PDB file of N, CA and C in Angstrom:
ATOM      1  N   UNK A   1      21.642   0.448   8.950  1.00  0.00           N
ATOM      2  CA  UNK A   1      20.585   0.590   7.970  1.00  0.00           C
ATOM      3  C   UNK A   1      19.487  -0.429   8.276  1.00  0.00           C
ATOM      4  N   UNK A   2      18.252   0.020   8.241  1.00  0.00           N
ATOM      5  CA  UNK A   2      17.111  -0.829   8.559  1.00  0.00           C
ATOM      6  C   UNK A   2      16.649  -1.579   7.315  1.00  0.00           C
ATOM      7  N   UNK A   3      16.114  -2.772   7.533  1.00  0.00           N
ATOM      8  CA  UNK A   3      15.551  -3.522   6.420  1.00  0.00           C
ATOM      9  C   UNK A   3      14.041  -3.323   6.325  1.00  0.00           C
ATOM     10  N   UNK A   4      13.482  -2.457   7.202  1.00  0.00           N
ATOM     11  CA  UNK A   4      12.055  -2.153   7.146  1.00  0.00           C
ATOM     12  C   UNK A   4      11.759  -1.319   5.905  1.00  0.00           C
ATOM     13  N   UNK A   5      10.630  -1.579   5.260  1.00  0.00           N
ATOM     14  CA  UNK A   5      10.283  -0.773   4.078  1.00  0.00           C
ATOM     15  C   UNK A   5       9.760   0.595   4.493  1.00  0.00           C
ATOM     16  N   UNK A   6       9.761   1.513   3.555  1.00  0.00           N
ATOM     17  CA  UNK A   6       9.093   2.791   3.754  1.00  0.00           C
ATOM     18  C   UNK A   6       7.588   2.558   3.618  1.00  0.00           C
ATOM     19  N   UNK A   7       6.807   3.199   4.467  1.00  0.00           N
ATOM     20  CA  UNK A   7       5.361   3.135   4.325  1.00  0.00           C
ATOM     21  C   UNK A   7       5.005   3.715   2.956  1.00  0.00           C
ATOM     22  N   UNK A   8       4.170   3.022   2.227  1.00  0.00           N
ATOM     23  CA  UNK A   8       3.779   3.455   0.888  1.00  0.00           C
ATOM     24  C   UNK A   8       4.652   2.896  -0.218  1.00  0.00           C
ATOM     25  N   UNK A   9       5.737   2.221   0.144  1.00  0.00           N
ATOM     26  CA  UNK A   9       6.612   1.599  -0.861  1.00  0.00           C
ATOM     27  C   UNK A   9       5.850   0.473  -1.552  1.00  0.00           C
ATOM     28  N   UNK A  10       5.980   0.385  -2.863  1.00  0.00           N
ATOM     29  CA  UNK A  10       5.310  -0.663  -3.635  1.00  0.00           C
ATOM     30  C   UNK A  10       6.363  -1.606  -4.184  1.00  0.00           C
ATOM     31  N   UNK A  11       6.123  -2.910  -3.992  1.00  0.00           N
ATOM     32  CA  UNK A  11       7.051  -3.952  -4.444  1.00  0.00           C
ATOM     33  C   UNK A  11       6.282  -5.060  -5.141  1.00  0.00           C
ATOM     34  N   UNK A  12       6.951  -5.758  -6.025  1.00  0.00           N
ATOM     35  CA  UNK A  12       6.420  -6.975  -6.637  1.00  0.00           C
ATOM     36  C   UNK A  12       6.869  -8.166  -5.819  1.00  0.00           C
ATOM     37  N   UNK A  13       5.938  -9.057  -5.508  1.00  0.00           N
ATOM     38  CA  UNK A  13       6.261 -10.307  -4.824  1.00  0.00           C
ATOM     39  C   UNK A  13       5.562 -11.443  -5.563  1.00  0.00           C
ATOM     40  N   UNK A  14       6.163 -12.603  -5.547  1.00  0.00           N
ATOM     41  CA  UNK A  14       5.573 -13.791  -6.170  1.00  0.00           C
ATOM     42  C   UNK A  14       4.781 -14.568  -5.124  1.00  0.00           C
ATOM     43  N   UNK A  15       3.830 -13.885  -4.467  1.00  0.00           N
ATOM     44  CA  UNK A  15       2.997 -14.495  -3.439  1.00  0.00           C
ATOM     45  C   UNK A  15       1.539 -14.295  -3.816  1.00  0.00           C
ATOM     46  N   UNK A  16       0.691 -15.214  -3.378  1.00  0.00           N
ATOM     47  CA  UNK A  16      -0.753 -15.032  -3.523  1.00  0.00           C
ATOM     48  C   UNK A  16      -1.369 -14.473  -2.248  1.00  0.00           C
ATOM     49  N   UNK A  17      -0.538 -14.120  -1.300  1.00  0.00           N
ATOM     50  CA  UNK A  17      -0.992 -13.569  -0.025  1.00  0.00           C
ATOM     51  C   UNK A  17      -0.042 -12.432   0.344  1.00  0.00           C
ATOM     52  N   UNK A  18      -0.538 -11.436   1.082  1.00  0.00           N
ATOM     53  CA  UNK A  18       0.352 -10.320   1.428  1.00  0.00           C
ATOM     54  C   UNK A  18       1.329 -10.700   2.533  1.00  0.00           C
ATOM     55  N   UNK A  19       2.601 -10.343   2.387  1.00  0.00           N
ATOM     56  CA  UNK A  19       3.546 -10.516   3.493  1.00  0.00           C
ATOM     57  C   UNK A  19       3.094  -9.640   4.668  1.00  0.00           C
ATOM     58  N   UNK A  20       3.544  -9.942   5.862  1.00  0.00           N
ATOM     59  CA  UNK A  20       3.165  -9.163   7.046  1.00  0.00           C
ATOM     60  C   UNK A  20       3.553  -7.696   6.851  1.00  0.00           C
ATOM     61  N   UNK A  21       2.598  -6.794   7.115  1.00  0.00           N
ATOM     62  CA  UNK A  21       2.843  -5.356   6.974  1.00  0.00           C
ATOM     63  C   UNK A  21       2.622  -4.822   5.571  1.00  0.00           C
ATOM     64  N   UNK A  22       2.109  -5.643   4.663  1.00  0.00           N
ATOM     65  CA  UNK A  22       1.865  -5.247   3.279  1.00  0.00           C
ATOM     66  C   UNK A  22       0.416  -5.563   2.912  1.00  0.00           C
ATOM     67  N   UNK A  23      -0.135  -4.852   1.940  1.00  0.00           N
ATOM     68  CA  UNK A  23      -1.457  -5.135   1.384  1.00  0.00           C
ATOM     69  C   UNK A  23      -1.338  -5.145  -0.129  1.00  0.00           C
ATOM     70  N   UNK A  24      -2.117  -6.022  -0.749  1.00  0.00           N
ATOM     71  CA  UNK A  24      -2.102  -6.099  -2.203  1.00  0.00           C
ATOM     72  C   UNK A  24      -2.709  -4.833  -2.796  1.00  0.00           C
ATOM     73  N   UNK A  25      -2.150  -4.354  -3.893  1.00  0.00           N
ATOM     74  CA  UNK A  25      -2.627  -3.145  -4.575  1.00  0.00           C
ATOM     75  C   UNK A  25      -3.769  -3.522  -5.517  1.00  0.00           C
ATOM     76  N   UNK A  26      -4.995  -3.598  -4.948  1.00  0.00           N
ATOM     77  CA  UNK A  26      -6.179  -3.979  -5.710  1.00  0.00           C
ATOM     78  C   UNK A  26      -7.225  -2.883  -5.743  1.00  0.00           C
ATOM     79  N   UNK A  27      -6.888  -1.690  -5.254  1.00  0.00           N
ATOM     80  CA  UNK A  27      -7.852  -0.604  -5.236  1.00  0.00           C
ATOM     81  C   UNK A  27      -8.863  -0.705  -4.107  1.00  0.00           C
ATOM     82  N   UNK A  28      -8.601  -1.569  -3.133  1.00  0.00           N
ATOM     83  CA  UNK A  28      -9.562  -1.767  -2.042  1.00  0.00           C
ATOM     84  C   UNK A  28      -9.572  -0.583  -1.081  1.00  0.00           C
ATOM     85  N   UNK A  29     -10.710  -0.388  -0.439  1.00  0.00           N
ATOM     86  CA  UNK A  29     -10.860   0.653   0.578  1.00  0.00           C
ATOM     87  C   UNK A  29     -10.332   0.138   1.909  1.00  0.00           C
ATOM     88  N   UNK A  30      -9.595   0.992   2.618  1.00  0.00           N
ATOM     89  CA  UNK A  30      -9.116   0.646   3.949  1.00  0.00           C
ATOM     90  C   UNK A  30      -9.390   1.811   4.897  1.00  0.00           C
ATOM     91  N   UNK A  31      -9.407   1.515   6.179  1.00  0.00           N
ATOM     92  CA  UNK A  31      -9.758   2.479   7.211  1.00  0.00           C
ATOM     93  C   UNK A  31      -8.645   3.507   7.431  1.00  0.00           C
ATOM     94  N   UNK A  32      -9.036   4.772   7.524  1.00  0.00           N
ATOM     95  CA  UNK A  32      -8.073   5.831   7.839  1.00  0.00           C
ATOM     96  C   UNK A  32      -7.564   5.669   9.263  1.00  0.00           C
ATOM     97  N   UNK A  33      -8.458   5.385  10.201  1.00  0.00           N
ATOM     98  CA  UNK A  33      -8.082   5.243  11.618  1.00  0.00           C
ATOM     99  C   UNK A  33      -7.001   4.173  11.794  1.00  0.00           C
ATOM    100  N   UNK A  34      -7.122   3.064  11.074  1.00  0.00           N
ATOM    101  CA  UNK A  34      -6.166   1.960  11.211  1.00  0.00           C
ATOM    102  C   UNK A  34      -4.903   2.151  10.386  1.00  0.00           C
ATOM    103  N   UNK A  35      -4.884   3.134   9.492  1.00  0.00           N
ATOM    104  CA  UNK A  35      -3.757   3.321   8.563  1.00  0.00           C
ATOM    105  C   UNK A  35      -3.438   4.802   8.401  1.00  0.00           C
ATOM    106  N   UNK A  36      -3.280   5.519   9.505  1.00  0.00           N
ATOM    107  CA  UNK A  36      -3.115   6.970   9.463  1.00  0.00           C
ATOM    108  C   UNK A  36      -1.849   7.410   8.734  1.00  0.00           C
ATOM    109  N   UNK A  37      -0.742   6.709   8.945  1.00  0.00           N
ATOM    110  CA  UNK A  37       0.511   7.107   8.289  1.00  0.00           C
ATOM    111  C   UNK A  37       0.403   6.956   6.772  1.00  0.00           C
ATOM    112  N   UNK A  38      -0.169   5.850   6.320  1.00  0.00           N
ATOM    113  CA  UNK A  38      -0.326   5.648   4.877  1.00  0.00           C
ATOM    114  C   UNK A  38      -1.302   6.666   4.297  1.00  0.00           C
ATOM    115  N   UNK A  39      -2.368   6.983   5.033  1.00  0.00           N
ATOM    116  CA  UNK A  39      -3.315   7.992   4.565  1.00  0.00           C
ATOM    117  C   UNK A  39      -2.641   9.361   4.448  1.00  0.00           C
ATOM    118  N   UNK A  40      -1.732   9.661   5.375  1.00  0.00           N
ATOM    119  CA  UNK A  40      -1.009  10.938   5.313  1.00  0.00           C
ATOM    120  C   UNK A  40      -0.217  11.052   4.013  1.00  0.00           C
ATOM    121  N   UNK A  41       0.223   9.945   3.483  1.00  0.00           N
ATOM    122  CA  UNK A  41       0.997   9.940   2.237  1.00  0.00           C
ATOM    123  C   UNK A  41       0.113   9.898   0.988  1.00  0.00           C
ATOM    124  N   UNK A  42      -0.932   9.063   1.013  1.00  0.00           N
ATOM    125  CA  UNK A  42      -1.751   8.863  -0.180  1.00  0.00           C
ATOM    126  C   UNK A  42      -2.973   9.767  -0.249  1.00  0.00           C
ATOM    127  N   UNK A  43      -3.521  10.132   0.909  1.00  0.00           N
ATOM    128  CA  UNK A  43      -4.783  10.864   0.894  1.00  0.00           C
ATOM    129  C   UNK A  43      -5.848  10.025   0.214  1.00  0.00           C
ATOM    130  N   UNK A  44      -6.771  10.672  -0.456  1.00  0.00           N
ATOM    131  CA  UNK A  44      -7.799   9.892  -1.164  1.00  0.00           C
ATOM    132  C   UNK A  44      -7.634  10.005  -2.685  1.00  0.00           C
ATOM    133  N   UNK A  45      -6.397  10.125  -3.138  1.00  0.00           N
ATOM    134  CA  UNK A  45      -6.152  10.268  -4.591  1.00  0.00           C
ATOM    135  C   UNK A  45      -6.553   9.029  -5.381  1.00  0.00           C
ATOM    136  N   UNK A  46      -6.649   7.854  -4.725  1.00  0.00           N
ATOM    137  CA  UNK A  46      -7.061   6.637  -5.432  1.00  0.00           C
ATOM    138  C   UNK A  46      -8.502   6.272  -5.134  1.00  0.00           C
ATOM    139  N   UNK A  47      -9.189   7.099  -4.348  1.00  0.00           N
ATOM    140  CA  UNK A  47     -10.589   6.848  -4.033  1.00  0.00           C
ATOM    141  C   UNK A  47     -10.830   6.845  -2.534  1.00  0.00           C
ATOM    142  N   UNK A  48     -12.062   6.571  -2.178  1.00  0.00           N
ATOM    143  CA  UNK A  48     -12.469   6.608  -0.783  1.00  0.00           C
ATOM    144  C   UNK A  48     -13.144   7.924  -0.480  1.00  0.00           C
ATOM    145  N   UNK A  49     -13.738   8.004   0.716  1.00  0.00           N
ATOM    146  CA  UNK A  49     -14.480   9.215   1.050  1.00  0.00           C
ATOM    147  C   UNK A  49     -13.628  10.257   1.774  1.00  0.00           C
ATOM    148  N   UNK A  50     -12.423   9.908   2.215  1.00  0.00           N
ATOM    149  CA  UNK A  50     -11.550  10.860   2.877  1.00  0.00           C
ATOM    150  C   UNK A  50     -11.936  11.168   4.310  1.00  0.00           C
ATOM    151  N   UNK A  51     -13.039  10.598   4.785  1.00  0.00           N
ATOM    152  CA  UNK A  51     -13.466  10.786   6.167  1.00  0.00           C
ATOM    153  C   UNK A  51     -13.197   9.542   7.009  1.00  0.00           C
ATOM    154  N   UNK A  52     -13.603   8.396   6.491  1.00  0.00           N
ATOM    155  CA  UNK A  52     -13.409   7.148   7.232  1.00  0.00           C
ATOM    156  C   UNK A  52     -12.551   6.151   6.473  1.00  0.00           C
ATOM    157  N   UNK A  53     -12.448   6.303   5.150  1.00  0.00           N
ATOM    158  CA  UNK A  53     -11.668   5.340   4.374  1.00  0.00           C
ATOM    159  C   UNK A  53     -10.979   6.003   3.194  1.00  0.00           C
ATOM    160  N   UNK A  54     -10.030   5.274   2.646  1.00  0.00           N
ATOM    161  CA  UNK A  54      -9.326   5.685   1.432  1.00  0.00           C
ATOM    162  C   UNK A  54      -8.960   4.425   0.667  1.00  0.00           C
ATOM    163  N   UNK A  55      -8.637   4.574  -0.606  1.00  0.00           N
ATOM    164  CA  UNK A  55      -8.349   3.422  -1.450  1.00  0.00           C
ATOM    165  C   UNK A  55      -6.852   3.297  -1.717  1.00  0.00           C
ATOM    166  N   UNK A  56      -6.434   2.066  -1.864  1.00  0.00           N
ATOM    167  CA  UNK A  56      -5.065   1.786  -2.292  1.00  0.00           C
ATOM    168  C   UNK A  56      -5.017   1.839  -3.817  1.00  0.00           C
ATOM    169  N   UNK A  57      -3.843   2.019  -4.391  1.00  0.00           N
ATOM    170  CA  UNK A  57      -3.767   2.002  -5.861  1.00  0.00           C
ATOM    171  C   UNK A  57      -4.197   0.637  -6.401  1.00  0.00           C
ATOM    172  N   UNK A  58      -4.763   0.625  -7.572  1.00  0.00           N
ATOM    173  CA  UNK A  58      -5.161  -0.628  -8.210  1.00  0.00           C
ATOM    174  C   UNK A  58      -4.153  -0.943  -9.311  1.00  0.00           C
ATOM    175  N   UNK A  59      -3.287  -1.909  -9.042  1.00  0.00           N
ATOM    176  CA  UNK A  59      -2.273  -2.301 -10.017  1.00  0.00           C
ATOM    177  C   UNK A  59      -2.515  -3.698 -10.574  1.00  0.00           C
ATOM    178  N   UNK A  60      -3.728  -4.219 -10.363  1.00  0.00           N
ATOM    179  CA  UNK A  60      -4.060  -5.524 -10.933  1.00  0.00           C
ATOM    180  C   UNK A  60      -4.019  -5.426 -12.453  1.00  0.00           C
ATOM    181  N   UNK A  61      -3.406  -6.398 -13.073  1.00  0.00           N
ATOM    182  CA  UNK A  61      -3.268  -6.414 -14.520  1.00  0.00           C
ATOM    183  C   UNK A  61      -2.011  -5.735 -15.019  1.00  0.00           C
ATOM    184  N   UNK A  62      -1.280  -5.057 -14.137  1.00  0.00           N
ATOM    185  CA  UNK A  62      -0.045  -4.387 -14.535  1.00  0.00           C
ATOM    186  C   UNK A  62       1.192  -5.216 -14.211  1.00  0.00           C
ATOM    187  N   UNK A  63       0.995  -6.398 -13.640  1.00  0.00           N
ATOM    188  CA  UNK A  63       2.125  -7.243 -13.250  1.00  0.00           C
ATOM    189  C   UNK A  63       2.868  -7.751 -14.485  1.00  0.00           C
ATOM    190  N   UNK A  64       4.206  -7.842 -14.410  1.00  0.00           N
ATOM    191  CA  UNK A  64       4.973  -8.313 -15.571  1.00  0.00           C
ATOM    192  C   UNK A  64       4.826  -9.813 -15.813  1.00  0.00           C
ATOM    193  N   UNK A  65       4.498 -10.571 -14.763  1.00  0.00           N
ATOM    194  CA  UNK A  65       4.287 -12.013 -14.878  1.00  0.00           C
ATOM    195  C   UNK A  65       3.018 -12.374 -14.114  1.00  0.00           C
ATOM    196  N   UNK A  66       2.258 -13.353 -14.576  1.00  0.00           N
ATOM    197  CA  UNK A  66       0.982 -13.667 -13.934  1.00  0.00           C
ATOM    198  C   UNK A  66       1.096 -14.092 -12.465  1.00  0.00           C
ATOM    199  N   UNK A  67       2.178 -14.719 -12.082  1.00  0.00           N
ATOM    200  CA  UNK A  67       2.313 -15.196 -10.702  1.00  0.00           C
ATOM    201  C   UNK A  67       2.809 -14.115  -9.739  1.00  0.00           C
ATOM    202  N   UNK A  68       3.086 -12.924 -10.239  1.00  0.00           N
ATOM    203  CA  UNK A  68       3.560 -11.836  -9.384  1.00  0.00           C
ATOM    204  C   UNK A  68       2.419 -10.867  -9.103  1.00  0.00           C
ATOM    205  N   UNK A  69       2.506 -10.219  -7.936  1.00  0.00           N
ATOM    206  CA  UNK A  69       1.497  -9.247  -7.552  1.00  0.00           C
ATOM    207  C   UNK A  69       2.181  -8.038  -6.911  1.00  0.00           C
ATOM    208  N   UNK A  70       1.564  -6.859  -7.058  1.00  0.00           N
ATOM    209  CA  UNK A  70       2.073  -5.646  -6.427  1.00  0.00           C
ATOM    210  C   UNK A  70       1.486  -5.526  -5.020  1.00  0.00           C
ATOM    211  N   UNK A  71       2.355  -5.180  -4.068  1.00  0.00           N
ATOM    212  CA  UNK A  71       1.950  -4.970  -2.682  1.00  0.00           C
ATOM    213  C   UNK A  71       2.491  -3.628  -2.214  1.00  0.00           C
ATOM    214  N   UNK A  72       1.752  -2.982  -1.301  1.00  0.00           N
ATOM    215  CA  UNK A  72       2.155  -1.702  -0.736  1.00  0.00           C
ATOM    216  C   UNK A  72       2.414  -1.885   0.755  1.00  0.00           C
ATOM    217  N   UNK A  73       3.498  -1.294   1.243  1.00  0.00           N
ATOM    218  CA  UNK A  73       3.839  -1.387   2.661  1.00  0.00           C
ATOM    219  C   UNK A  73       2.900  -0.494   3.463  1.00  0.00           C
ATOM    220  N   UNK A  74       2.212  -1.091   4.442  1.00  0.00           N
ATOM    221  CA  UNK A  74       1.324  -0.322   5.313  1.00  0.00           C
ATOM    222  C   UNK A  74       1.957  -0.088   6.681  1.00  0.00           C
ATOM    223  N   UNK A  75       3.039  -0.780   6.954  1.00  0.00           N
ATOM    224  CA  UNK A  75       3.820  -0.548   8.171  1.00  0.00           C
ATOM    225  C   UNK A  75       5.285  -0.404   7.767  1.00  0.00           C
ATOM    226  N   UNK A  76       6.044   0.265   8.587  1.00  0.00           N
ATOM    227  CA  UNK A  76       7.459   0.455   8.295  1.00  0.00           C
ATOM    228  C   UNK A  76       7.899   1.840   8.717  1.00  0.00           C
ATOM    229  N   UNK A  77       8.825   2.386   7.961  1.00  0.00           N
ATOM    230  CA  UNK A  77       9.424   3.679   8.254  1.00  0.00           C
ATOM    231  C   UNK A  77       8.691   4.767   7.470  1.00  0.00           C
ATOM    232  N   UNK A  78       8.335   5.854   8.153  1.00  0.00           N
ATOM    233  CA  UNK A  78       7.715   6.971   7.432  1.00  0.00           C
ATOM    234  C   UNK A  78       8.795   7.633   6.588  1.00  0.00           C
ATOM    235  N   UNK A  79       8.532   7.849   5.296  1.00  0.00           N
ATOM    236  CA  UNK A  79       9.562   8.424   4.428  1.00  0.00           C
ATOM    237  C   UNK A  79      10.000   9.817   4.875  1.00  0.00           C
ATOM    238  N   UNK A  80      11.276  10.152   4.669  1.00  0.00           N
ATOM    239  CA  UNK A  80      11.738  11.501   5.014  1.00  0.00           C
ATOM    240  C   UNK A  80      11.044  12.543   4.139  1.00  0.00           C
ATOM    241  N   UNK A  81      10.902  13.746   4.673  1.00  0.00           N
ATOM    242  CA  UNK A  81      10.188  14.794   3.947  1.00  0.00           C
ATOM    243  C   UNK A  81      11.109  15.684   3.124  1.00  0.00           C
ATOM    244  N   UNK A  82      12.395  15.524   3.214  1.00  0.00           N
ATOM    245  CA  UNK A  82      13.288  16.390   2.449  1.00  0.00           C
ATOM    246  C   UNK A  82      13.830  15.729   1.229  1.00  0.00           C
TER     247      UNK A  82
END
């Protein structure tokens, strides 16, 4: 069993910086070219133009504790389709 996360998996971490392979869920726009697997999963449902960029979910303010932040895996294992 691998300890790599699934691409698109969202976790809470008590960090002020993203762990390697993760991005904070702040609704920011990111490049489709650089994040094709994640775009295949999310599309532009959270924003972006769908041609060159797309947005990550914005979960700021939804954290259960102030020192925790939500992060989304941008690298890892592509989730199974079945």
